[in-house]
Amino acid sequence: MEPSARIRRARGLRVEATDVERKLWAVLRARQLGGFKFRRQLPIDRYIADFACVEARLIIELDGGQHLDNADRDERRTRVLEACGWRVIQFWNTDLIDDLDGVARDILAELKLPAA
């Protein structure tokens, strides 16, 4: 996908955010989590990261049930993003639904780790 097409796709994904993405964005936006700035649906290489903190080089991916069948694809995506210098953490949608505070604590702990 060309860069301009990726940007258009990312913008569309922001508008069409899932309920779970909106729920996490409410925690991450406006530097609410530890003072870290996040962006959502950020194009990186050939992928679009669900959420990314550029300062900490941390990507947060939310995965629903459809990802059970795409584990190989997700693994390739993670390897490419890591090769670009990012750390990637993933949460299942159910993790967020069942324990938003716990997910926020896990993200904050990752943000405070020294960059590799």
Protein backbone atom coordinates (compact mmCIF):
# COMPACT_ATOMS: atom_id res chain seq x y z
CA MET A 1 0.00 0.00 0.00
CA GLU A 2 1.35 3.43 -0.94
CA PRO A 3 2.06 5.92 1.87
CA SER A 4 -0.85 8.19 0.91
CA ALA A 5 -3.20 5.18 0.84
CA ARG A 6 -1.94 4.09 4.28
CA ILE A 7 -2.63 7.58 5.64
CA ARG A 8 -6.16 7.56 4.22
CA ARG A 9 -6.71 4.07 5.67
CA ALA A 10 -5.41 5.19 9.09
CA ARG A 11 -7.77 8.17 9.07
CA GLY A 12 -10.66 5.89 8.21
CA LEU A 13 -9.74 3.52 11.04
CA ARG A 14 -9.76 6.42 13.50
CA VAL A 15 -13.31 7.31 12.45
CA GLU A 16 -14.42 3.65 12.55
CA ALA A 17 -12.82 2.81 15.91
CA THR A 18 -14.26 -0.16 17.76
CA ASP A 19 -15.82 0.26 21.20
CA VAL A 20 -12.74 -1.37 22.75
CA GLU A 21 -10.40 0.99 20.89
CA ARG A 22 -12.45 3.98 22.07
CA LYS A 23 -12.29 2.68 25.63
CA LEU A 24 -8.49 2.43 25.56
CA TRP A 25 -8.14 5.76 23.75
CA ALA A 26 -10.07 7.42 26.59
CA VAL A 27 -7.25 6.29 28.91
CA LEU A 28 -4.34 7.11 26.58
CA ARG A 29 -5.36 10.42 25.03
CA ALA A 30 -4.24 13.85 26.24
CA ARG A 31 -1.20 12.48 28.12
CA GLN A 32 -3.45 10.95 30.79
CA LEU A 33 -1.27 7.87 31.26
CA GLY A 34 1.98 8.88 32.95
CA GLY A 35 2.26 12.04 30.86
CA PHE A 36 3.06 10.03 27.70
CA LYS A 37 1.66 11.19 24.36
CA PHE A 38 -0.04 8.55 22.23
CA ARG A 39 -1.18 8.53 18.64
CA ARG A 40 -3.79 6.17 17.29
CA GLN A 41 -3.82 4.35 13.97
CA LEU A 42 -0.25 5.41 13.20
CA PRO A 43 1.22 4.20 9.89
CA ILE A 44 4.60 2.56 10.51
CA ASP A 45 6.39 0.82 7.66
CA ARG A 46 3.70 -1.20 5.87
CA TYR A 47 1.43 -1.51 8.91
CA ILE A 48 -0.90 0.70 10.89
CA ALA A 49 -0.34 0.50 14.64
CA ASP A 50 -3.47 0.67 16.79
CA PHE A 51 -1.78 2.97 19.33
CA ALA A 52 1.79 4.24 19.52
CA CYS A 53 3.88 6.31 21.89
CA VAL A 54 6.67 7.74 19.73
CA GLU A 55 8.66 8.96 22.74
CA ALA A 56 8.86 5.46 24.25
CA ARG A 57 8.87 3.66 20.85
CA LEU A 58 5.99 1.54 22.14
CA ILE A 59 3.14 0.13 20.06
CA ILE A 60 -0.04 -1.23 21.62
CA GLU A 61 -2.07 -3.66 19.55
CA LEU A 62 -5.60 -4.72 20.46
CA ASP A 63 -6.60 -8.07 19.10
CA GLY A 64 -10.07 -9.55 18.82
CA GLY A 65 -11.12 -13.10 18.03
CA GLN A 66 -10.28 -12.72 14.33
CA HIS A 67 -6.59 -12.70 15.29
CA LEU A 68 -6.76 -16.30 16.48
CA ASP A 69 -6.67 -17.36 12.84
CA ASN A 70 -3.96 -14.83 11.93
CA ALA A 71 -1.25 -15.59 14.48
CA ASP A 72 1.44 -15.97 11.78
CA ARG A 73 0.51 -12.63 10.24
CA ASP A 74 0.58 -10.95 13.65
CA GLU A 75 3.99 -12.46 14.37
CA ARG A 76 5.36 -11.14 11.05
CA ARG A 77 3.91 -7.69 11.80
CA THR A 78 5.56 -7.68 15.21
CA ARG A 79 8.94 -8.69 13.76
CA VAL A 80 8.80 -5.92 11.13
CA LEU A 81 7.80 -3.29 13.70
CA GLU A 82 10.54 -4.44 16.09
CA ALA A 83 13.06 -4.25 13.24
CA CYS A 84 11.96 -0.62 12.84
CA GLY A 85 12.95 0.00 16.46
CA TRP A 86 9.58 -0.34 18.19
CA ARG A 87 8.49 -2.50 21.12
CA VAL A 88 5.11 -4.11 20.60
CA ILE A 89 2.70 -5.24 23.29
CA GLN A 90 -0.60 -6.90 22.55
CA PHE A 91 -3.79 -7.24 24.50
CA TRP A 92 -6.89 -9.22 23.73
CA ASN A 93 -10.08 -7.18 23.58
CA THR A 94 -11.40 -9.27 26.46
CA ASP A 95 -8.39 -8.21 28.62
CA LEU A 96 -9.41 -4.62 28.15
CA ILE A 97 -13.11 -5.28 28.72
CA ASP A 98 -12.49 -7.34 31.87
CA ASP A 99 -9.68 -5.28 33.43
CA LEU A 100 -9.06 -1.85 31.91
CA ASP A 101 -7.17 -0.69 35.02
CA GLY A 102 -4.86 -3.71 34.83
CA VAL A 103 -4.17 -3.09 31.13
CA ALA A 104 -3.39 0.57 31.90
CA ARG A 105 -0.97 -0.52 34.66
CA ASP A 106 0.74 -2.95 32.27
CA ILE A 107 1.10 -0.25 29.60
CA LEU A 108 2.49 2.23 32.11
CA ALA A 109 5.03 -0.35 33.31
CA GLU A 110 6.15 -0.87 29.69
CA LEU A 111 6.42 2.87 29.13
CA LYS A 112 8.74 3.22 32.10
CA LEU A 113 11.12 0.51 30.85
CA PRO A 114 14.35 1.87 29.38
CA ALA A 115 14.42 1.93 25.58
CA ALA A 116 16.44 -0.88 24.03
